[in-house]
Amino acid sequence: MAKSGYVSTYNGLPWIVRLILAIIPFTGWLNAIVYRLANGHLIAGILAIPFGEIFWIVDLITVILSGKPTVFA
């Protein structure tokens, strides 16, 4: 499956910028929704709306460890 422009742009950012975006709660939550929807994971993107705090923490950990969100993305 071809990646969207958002996913390619986000993955092309330097690791430190992705980490800063993941640390800030609002941008981390917003990225959790948009990144999953742009990757074609509709259910995970919709679930990120009410469970944004959980996705934010998981994404923060995965960005620190692997450089990008990897769970349900």
PDB file of N, CA and C in Angstrom:
ATOM      1  N   MET A   1       0.846  -1.166   0.000  1.00  0.00           N
ATOM      2  CA  MET A   1       0.000   0.000   0.000  1.00  0.00           C
ATOM      3  C   MET A   1       0.902   1.243   0.000  1.00  0.00           C
ATOM      4  N   ALA A   2       0.552   2.205  -0.819  1.00  0.00           N
ATOM      5  CA  ALA A   2       1.331   3.449  -0.890  1.00  0.00           C
ATOM      6  C   ALA A   2       1.012   4.326   0.316  1.00  0.00           C
ATOM      7  N   LYS A   3       2.046   4.933   0.860  1.00  0.00           N
ATOM      8  CA  LYS A   3       1.870   5.803   2.015  1.00  0.00           C
ATOM      9  C   LYS A   3       1.380   7.172   1.549  1.00  0.00           C
ATOM     10  N   SER A   4       0.575   7.818   2.366  1.00  0.00           N
ATOM     11  CA  SER A   4       0.067   9.149   2.023  1.00  0.00           C
ATOM     12  C   SER A   4       1.172  10.181   2.182  1.00  0.00           C
ATOM     13  N   GLY A   5       0.910  11.375   1.699  1.00  0.00           N
ATOM     14  CA  GLY A   5       1.872  12.462   1.817  1.00  0.00           C
ATOM     15  C   GLY A   5       2.156  12.818   3.261  1.00  0.00           C
ATOM     16  N   TYR A   6       1.139  12.748   4.123  1.00  0.00           N
ATOM     17  CA  TYR A   6       1.328  13.077   5.537  1.00  0.00           C
ATOM     18  C   TYR A   6       2.279  12.095   6.204  1.00  0.00           C
ATOM     19  N   VAL A   7       2.079  10.820   5.958  1.00  0.00           N
ATOM     20  CA  VAL A   7       2.915   9.794   6.583  1.00  0.00           C
ATOM     21  C   VAL A   7       4.351   9.924   6.102  1.00  0.00           C
ATOM     22  N   SER A   8       4.536  10.125   4.806  1.00  0.00           N
ATOM     23  CA  SER A   8       5.882  10.289   4.264  1.00  0.00           C
ATOM     24  C   SER A   8       6.562  11.523   4.827  1.00  0.00           C
ATOM     25  N   THR A   9       5.825  12.614   4.926  1.00  0.00           N
ATOM     26  CA  THR A   9       6.384  13.848   5.476  1.00  0.00           C
ATOM     27  C   THR A   9       6.747  13.674   6.943  1.00  0.00           C
ATOM     28  N   TYR A  10       5.843  13.081   7.721  1.00  0.00           N
ATOM     29  CA  TYR A  10       6.093  12.874   9.149  1.00  0.00           C
ATOM     30  C   TYR A  10       7.305  11.970   9.361  1.00  0.00           C
ATOM     31  N   ASN A  11       7.370  10.863   8.611  1.00  0.00           N
ATOM     32  CA  ASN A  11       8.491   9.934   8.765  1.00  0.00           C
ATOM     33  C   ASN A  11       9.801  10.540   8.280  1.00  0.00           C
ATOM     34  N   GLY A  12       9.728  11.563   7.426  1.00  0.00           N
ATOM     35  CA  GLY A  12      10.921  12.224   6.928  1.00  0.00           C
ATOM     36  C   GLY A  12      11.469  13.285   7.872  1.00  0.00           C
ATOM     37  N   LEU A  13      10.707  13.637   8.901  1.00  0.00           N
ATOM     38  CA  LEU A  13      11.175  14.630   9.870  1.00  0.00           C
ATOM     39  C   LEU A  13      12.323  14.051  10.701  1.00  0.00           C
ATOM     40  N   PRO A  14      13.209  14.901  11.178  1.00  0.00           N
ATOM     41  CA  PRO A  14      14.256  14.415  12.084  1.00  0.00           C
ATOM     42  C   PRO A  14      13.641  13.811  13.349  1.00  0.00           C
ATOM     43  N   TRP A  15      14.337  12.839  13.931  1.00  0.00           N
ATOM     44  CA  TRP A  15      13.832  12.139  15.109  1.00  0.00           C
ATOM     45  C   TRP A  15      13.502  13.101  16.247  1.00  0.00           C
ATOM     46  N   ILE A  16      14.321  14.103  16.465  1.00  0.00           N
ATOM     47  CA  ILE A  16      14.094  15.029  17.576  1.00  0.00           C
ATOM     48  C   ILE A  16      12.810  15.826  17.376  1.00  0.00           C
ATOM     49  N   VAL A  17      12.474  16.167  16.141  1.00  0.00           N
ATOM     50  CA  VAL A  17      11.228  16.892  15.857  1.00  0.00           C
ATOM     51  C   VAL A  17      10.032  15.983  16.115  1.00  0.00           C
ATOM     52  N   ARG A  18      10.121  14.727  15.691  1.00  0.00           N
ATOM     53  CA  ARG A  18       9.026  13.779  15.961  1.00  0.00           C
ATOM     54  C   ARG A  18       8.855  13.576  17.465  1.00  0.00           C
ATOM     55  N   LEU A  19       9.960  13.552  18.189  1.00  0.00           N
ATOM     56  CA  LEU A  19       9.894  13.394  19.642  1.00  0.00           C
ATOM     57  C   LEU A  19       9.226  14.610  20.286  1.00  0.00           C
ATOM     58  N   ILE A  20       9.590  15.799  19.861  1.00  0.00           N
ATOM     59  CA  ILE A  20       8.980  17.020  20.408  1.00  0.00           C
ATOM     60  C   ILE A  20       7.481  17.030  20.112  1.00  0.00           C
ATOM     61  N   LEU A  21       7.093  16.673  18.899  1.00  0.00           N
ATOM     62  CA  LEU A  21       5.668  16.621  18.562  1.00  0.00           C
ATOM     63  C   LEU A  21       4.937  15.571  19.391  1.00  0.00           C
ATOM     64  N   ALA A  22       5.602  14.475  19.717  1.00  0.00           N
ATOM     65  CA  ALA A  22       4.980  13.420  20.522  1.00  0.00           C
ATOM     66  C   ALA A  22       4.877  13.809  21.990  1.00  0.00           C
ATOM     67  N   ILE A  23       5.795  14.643  22.474  1.00  0.00           N
ATOM     68  CA  ILE A  23       5.777  15.033  23.887  1.00  0.00           C
ATOM     69  C   ILE A  23       4.622  15.986  24.191  1.00  0.00           C
ATOM     70  N   ILE A  24       4.325  16.893  23.268  1.00  0.00           N
ATOM     71  CA  ILE A  24       3.247  17.866  23.477  1.00  0.00           C
ATOM     72  C   ILE A  24       1.910  17.131  23.368  1.00  0.00           C
ATOM     73  N   PRO A  25       1.093  17.152  24.426  1.00  0.00           N
ATOM     74  CA  PRO A  25      -0.137  16.347  24.422  1.00  0.00           C
ATOM     75  C   PRO A  25      -1.069  16.606  23.236  1.00  0.00           C
ATOM     76  N   PHE A  26      -1.347  17.862  22.913  1.00  0.00           N
ATOM     77  CA  PHE A  26      -2.303  18.139  21.836  1.00  0.00           C
ATOM     78  C   PHE A  26      -1.783  17.654  20.485  1.00  0.00           C
ATOM     79  N   THR A  27      -0.528  17.950  20.170  1.00  0.00           N
ATOM     80  CA  THR A  27       0.004  17.519  18.878  1.00  0.00           C
ATOM     81  C   THR A  27       0.176  16.001  18.830  1.00  0.00           C
ATOM     82  N   GLY A  28       0.499  15.396  19.969  1.00  0.00           N
ATOM     83  CA  GLY A  28       0.605  13.938  20.023  1.00  0.00           C
ATOM     84  C   GLY A  28      -0.733  13.268  19.777  1.00  0.00           C
ATOM     85  N   TRP A  29      -1.786  13.817  20.369  1.00  0.00           N
ATOM     86  CA  TRP A  29      -3.133  13.276  20.203  1.00  0.00           C
ATOM     87  C   TRP A  29      -3.612  13.473  18.766  1.00  0.00           C
ATOM     88  N   LEU A  30      -3.402  14.670  18.239  1.00  0.00           N
ATOM     89  CA  LEU A  30      -3.812  14.963  16.872  1.00  0.00           C
ATOM     90  C   LEU A  30      -3.045  14.088  15.877  1.00  0.00           C
ATOM     91  N   ASN A  31      -1.757  13.922  16.098  1.00  0.00           N
ATOM     92  CA  ASN A  31      -0.965  13.077  15.217  1.00  0.00           C
ATOM     93  C   ASN A  31      -1.418  11.623  15.300  1.00  0.00           C
ATOM     94  N   ALA A  32      -1.811  11.163  16.488  1.00  0.00           N
ATOM     95  CA  ALA A  32      -2.285   9.781  16.632  1.00  0.00           C
ATOM     96  C   ALA A  32      -3.490   9.534  15.730  1.00  0.00           C
ATOM     97  N   ILE A  33      -4.379  10.504  15.644  1.00  0.00           N
ATOM     98  CA  ILE A  33      -5.568  10.361  14.798  1.00  0.00           C
ATOM     99  C   ILE A  33      -5.189  10.436  13.326  1.00  0.00           C
ATOM    100  N   VAL A  34      -4.515  11.507  12.943  1.00  0.00           N
ATOM    101  CA  VAL A  34      -4.210  11.755  11.531  1.00  0.00           C
ATOM    102  C   VAL A  34      -3.271  10.692  10.965  1.00  0.00           C
ATOM    103  N   TYR A  35      -2.239  10.308  11.715  1.00  0.00           N
ATOM    104  CA  TYR A  35      -1.268   9.319  11.237  1.00  0.00           C
ATOM    105  C   TYR A  35      -1.957   7.987  10.943  1.00  0.00           C
ATOM    106  N   ARG A  36      -2.835   7.553  11.825  1.00  0.00           N
ATOM    107  CA  ARG A  36      -3.512   6.273  11.619  1.00  0.00           C
ATOM    108  C   ARG A  36      -4.507   6.350  10.470  1.00  0.00           C
ATOM    109  N   LEU A  37      -5.236   7.445  10.371  1.00  0.00           N
ATOM    110  CA  LEU A  37      -6.169   7.604   9.259  1.00  0.00           C
ATOM    111  C   LEU A  37      -5.423   7.682   7.933  1.00  0.00           C
ATOM    112  N   ALA A  38      -4.305   8.404   7.895  1.00  0.00           N
ATOM    113  CA  ALA A  38      -3.518   8.532   6.670  1.00  0.00           C
ATOM    114  C   ALA A  38      -2.889   7.202   6.270  1.00  0.00           C
ATOM    115  N   ASN A  39      -2.628   6.346   7.240  1.00  0.00           N
ATOM    116  CA  ASN A  39      -2.080   5.017   6.953  1.00  0.00           C
ATOM    117  C   ASN A  39      -3.164   4.034   6.532  1.00  0.00           C
ATOM    118  N   GLY A  40      -4.423   4.459   6.577  1.00  0.00           N
ATOM    119  CA  GLY A  40      -5.525   3.599   6.174  1.00  0.00           C
ATOM    120  C   GLY A  40      -6.111   2.768   7.288  1.00  0.00           C
ATOM    121  N   HIS A  41      -5.762   3.054   8.525  1.00  0.00           N
ATOM    122  CA  HIS A  41      -6.300   2.328   9.674  1.00  0.00           C
ATOM    123  C   HIS A  41      -7.452   3.128  10.275  1.00  0.00           C
ATOM    124  N   LEU A  42      -8.611   3.003   9.646  1.00  0.00           N
ATOM    125  CA  LEU A  42      -9.783   3.795  10.011  1.00  0.00           C
ATOM    126  C   LEU A  42     -10.241   3.531  11.447  1.00  0.00           C
ATOM    127  N   ILE A  43     -10.326   2.281  11.839  1.00  0.00           N
ATOM    128  CA  ILE A  43     -10.811   1.948  13.180  1.00  0.00           C
ATOM    129  C   ILE A  43      -9.857   2.480  14.246  1.00  0.00           C
ATOM    130  N   ALA A  44      -8.555   2.299  14.047  1.00  0.00           N
ATOM    131  CA  ALA A  44      -7.574   2.810  15.015  1.00  0.00           C
ATOM    132  C   ALA A  44      -7.627   4.333  15.076  1.00  0.00           C
ATOM    133  N   GLY A  45      -7.822   4.994  13.936  1.00  0.00           N
ATOM    134  CA  GLY A  45      -7.930   6.449  13.916  1.00  0.00           C
ATOM    135  C   GLY A  45      -9.152   6.944  14.670  1.00  0.00           C
ATOM    136  N   ILE A  46     -10.250   6.242  14.520  1.00  0.00           N
ATOM    137  CA  ILE A  46     -11.485   6.620  15.228  1.00  0.00           C
ATOM    138  C   ILE A  46     -11.338   6.336  16.720  1.00  0.00           C
ATOM    139  N   LEU A  47     -10.717   5.222  17.077  1.00  0.00           N
ATOM    140  CA  LEU A  47     -10.516   4.894  18.495  1.00  0.00           C
ATOM    141  C   LEU A  47      -9.553   5.865  19.172  1.00  0.00           C
ATOM    142  N   ALA A  48      -8.682   6.495  18.395  1.00  0.00           N
ATOM    143  CA  ALA A  48      -7.739   7.461  18.963  1.00  0.00           C
ATOM    144  C   ALA A  48      -8.440   8.728  19.428  1.00  0.00           C
ATOM    145  N   ILE A  49      -9.657   8.964  18.973  1.00  0.00           N
ATOM    146  CA  ILE A  49     -10.385  10.167  19.402  1.00  0.00           C
ATOM    147  C   ILE A  49     -10.796  10.055  20.868  1.00  0.00           C
ATOM    148  N   PRO A  50     -11.547   9.030  21.281  1.00  0.00           N
ATOM    149  CA  PRO A  50     -11.930   8.974  22.698  1.00  0.00           C
ATOM    150  C   PRO A  50     -10.811   8.475  23.623  1.00  0.00           C
ATOM    151  N   PHE A  51      -9.879   7.712  23.068  1.00  0.00           N
ATOM    152  CA  PHE A  51      -8.798   7.151  23.883  1.00  0.00           C
ATOM    153  C   PHE A  51      -7.463   7.812  23.561  1.00  0.00           C
ATOM    154  N   GLY A  52      -7.504   9.095  23.296  1.00  0.00           N
ATOM    155  CA  GLY A  52      -6.322   9.843  22.882  1.00  0.00           C
ATOM    156  C   GLY A  52      -5.183   9.789  23.867  1.00  0.00           C
ATOM    157  N   GLU A  53      -5.472   9.785  25.168  1.00  0.00           N
ATOM    158  CA  GLU A  53      -4.416   9.759  26.182  1.00  0.00           C
ATOM    159  C   GLU A  53      -3.613   8.467  26.116  1.00  0.00           C
ATOM    160  N   ILE A  54      -4.305   7.372  25.895  1.00  0.00           N
ATOM    161  CA  ILE A  54      -3.632   6.078  25.813  1.00  0.00           C
ATOM    162  C   ILE A  54      -2.758   6.024  24.567  1.00  0.00           C
ATOM    163  N   PHE A  55      -3.316   6.458  23.434  1.00  0.00           N
ATOM    164  CA  PHE A  55      -2.553   6.470  22.188  1.00  0.00           C
ATOM    165  C   PHE A  55      -1.364   7.413  22.295  1.00  0.00           C
ATOM    166  N   TRP A  56      -1.547   8.532  22.980  1.00  0.00           N
ATOM    167  CA  TRP A  56      -0.469   9.509  23.149  1.00  0.00           C
ATOM    168  C   TRP A  56       0.715   8.883  23.896  1.00  0.00           C
ATOM    169  N   ILE A  57       0.445   8.189  24.987  1.00  0.00           N
ATOM    170  CA  ILE A  57       1.504   7.560  25.783  1.00  0.00           C
ATOM    171  C   ILE A  57       2.183   6.442  24.985  1.00  0.00           C
ATOM    172  N   VAL A  58       1.398   5.615  24.320  1.00  0.00           N
ATOM    173  CA  VAL A  58       1.965   4.523  23.512  1.00  0.00           C
ATOM    174  C   VAL A  58       2.808   5.094  22.380  1.00  0.00           C
ATOM    175  N   ASP A  59       2.308   6.136  21.704  1.00  0.00           N
ATOM    176  CA  ASP A  59       3.069   6.750  20.618  1.00  0.00           C
ATOM    177  C   ASP A  59       4.349   7.389  21.128  1.00  0.00           C
ATOM    178  N   LEU A  60       4.290   8.015  22.287  1.00  0.00           N
ATOM    179  CA  LEU A  60       5.483   8.631  22.868  1.00  0.00           C
ATOM    180  C   LEU A  60       6.561   7.565  23.101  1.00  0.00           C
ATOM    181  N   ILE A  61       6.157   6.446  23.651  1.00  0.00           N
ATOM    182  CA  ILE A  61       7.111   5.358  23.909  1.00  0.00           C
ATOM    183  C   ILE A  61       7.669   4.799  22.603  1.00  0.00           C
ATOM    184  N   THR A  62       6.801   4.588  21.605  1.00  0.00           N
ATOM    185  CA  THR A  62       7.291   4.012  20.349  1.00  0.00           C
ATOM    186  C   THR A  62       8.143   5.003  19.555  1.00  0.00           C
ATOM    187  N   VAL A  63       7.869   6.301  19.667  1.00  0.00           N
ATOM    188  CA  VAL A  63       8.725   7.290  18.996  1.00  0.00           C
ATOM    189  C   VAL A  63      10.101   7.312  19.650  1.00  0.00           C
ATOM    190  N   ILE A  64      10.137   7.189  20.961  1.00  0.00           N
ATOM    191  CA  ILE A  64      11.431   7.148  21.658  1.00  0.00           C
ATOM    192  C   ILE A  64      12.213   5.896  21.254  1.00  0.00           C
ATOM    193  N   LEU A  65      11.545   4.750  21.181  1.00  0.00           N
ATOM    194  CA  LEU A  65      12.234   3.488  20.915  1.00  0.00           C
ATOM    195  C   LEU A  65      12.531   3.236  19.433  1.00  0.00           C
ATOM    196  N   SER A  66      11.564   3.559  18.561  1.00  0.00           N
ATOM    197  CA  SER A  66      11.756   3.199  17.152  1.00  0.00           C
ATOM    198  C   SER A  66      11.760   4.387  16.197  1.00  0.00           C
ATOM    199  N   GLY A  67      11.427   5.575  16.698  1.00  0.00           N
ATOM    200  CA  GLY A  67      11.474   6.762  15.848  1.00  0.00           C
ATOM    201  C   GLY A  67      10.168   7.136  15.183  1.00  0.00           C
ATOM    202  N   LYS A  68       9.150   6.273  15.278  1.00  0.00           N
ATOM    203  CA  LYS A  68       7.846   6.593  14.690  1.00  0.00           C
ATOM    204  C   LYS A  68       6.764   5.806  15.415  1.00  0.00           C
ATOM    205  N   PRO A  69       5.503   6.254  15.310  1.00  0.00           N
ATOM    206  CA  PRO A  69       4.424   5.480  15.920  1.00  0.00           C
ATOM    207  C   PRO A  69       4.301   4.129  15.218  1.00  0.00           C
ATOM    208  N   THR A  70       4.241   3.077  15.983  1.00  0.00           N
ATOM    209  CA  THR A  70       4.179   1.749  15.366  1.00  0.00           C
ATOM    210  C   THR A  70       2.965   0.929  15.793  1.00  0.00           C
ATOM    211  N   VAL A  71       2.321   1.260  16.903  1.00  0.00           N
ATOM    212  CA  VAL A  71       1.198   0.475  17.395  1.00  0.00           C
ATOM    213  C   VAL A  71      -0.077   0.945  16.700  1.00  0.00           C
ATOM    214  N   PHE A  72      -0.752   0.030  16.032  1.00  0.00           N
ATOM    215  CA  PHE A  72      -1.967   0.296  15.271  1.00  0.00           C
ATOM    216  C   PHE A  72      -1.760   1.352  14.192  1.00  0.00           C
ATOM    217  N   ALA A  73      -0.569   1.486  13.679  1.00  0.00           N
ATOM    218  CA  ALA A  73      -0.320   2.524  12.673  1.00  0.00           C
ATOM    219  C   ALA A  73       0.220   1.972  11.406  1.00  0.00           C
TER     220      ALA A  73
END
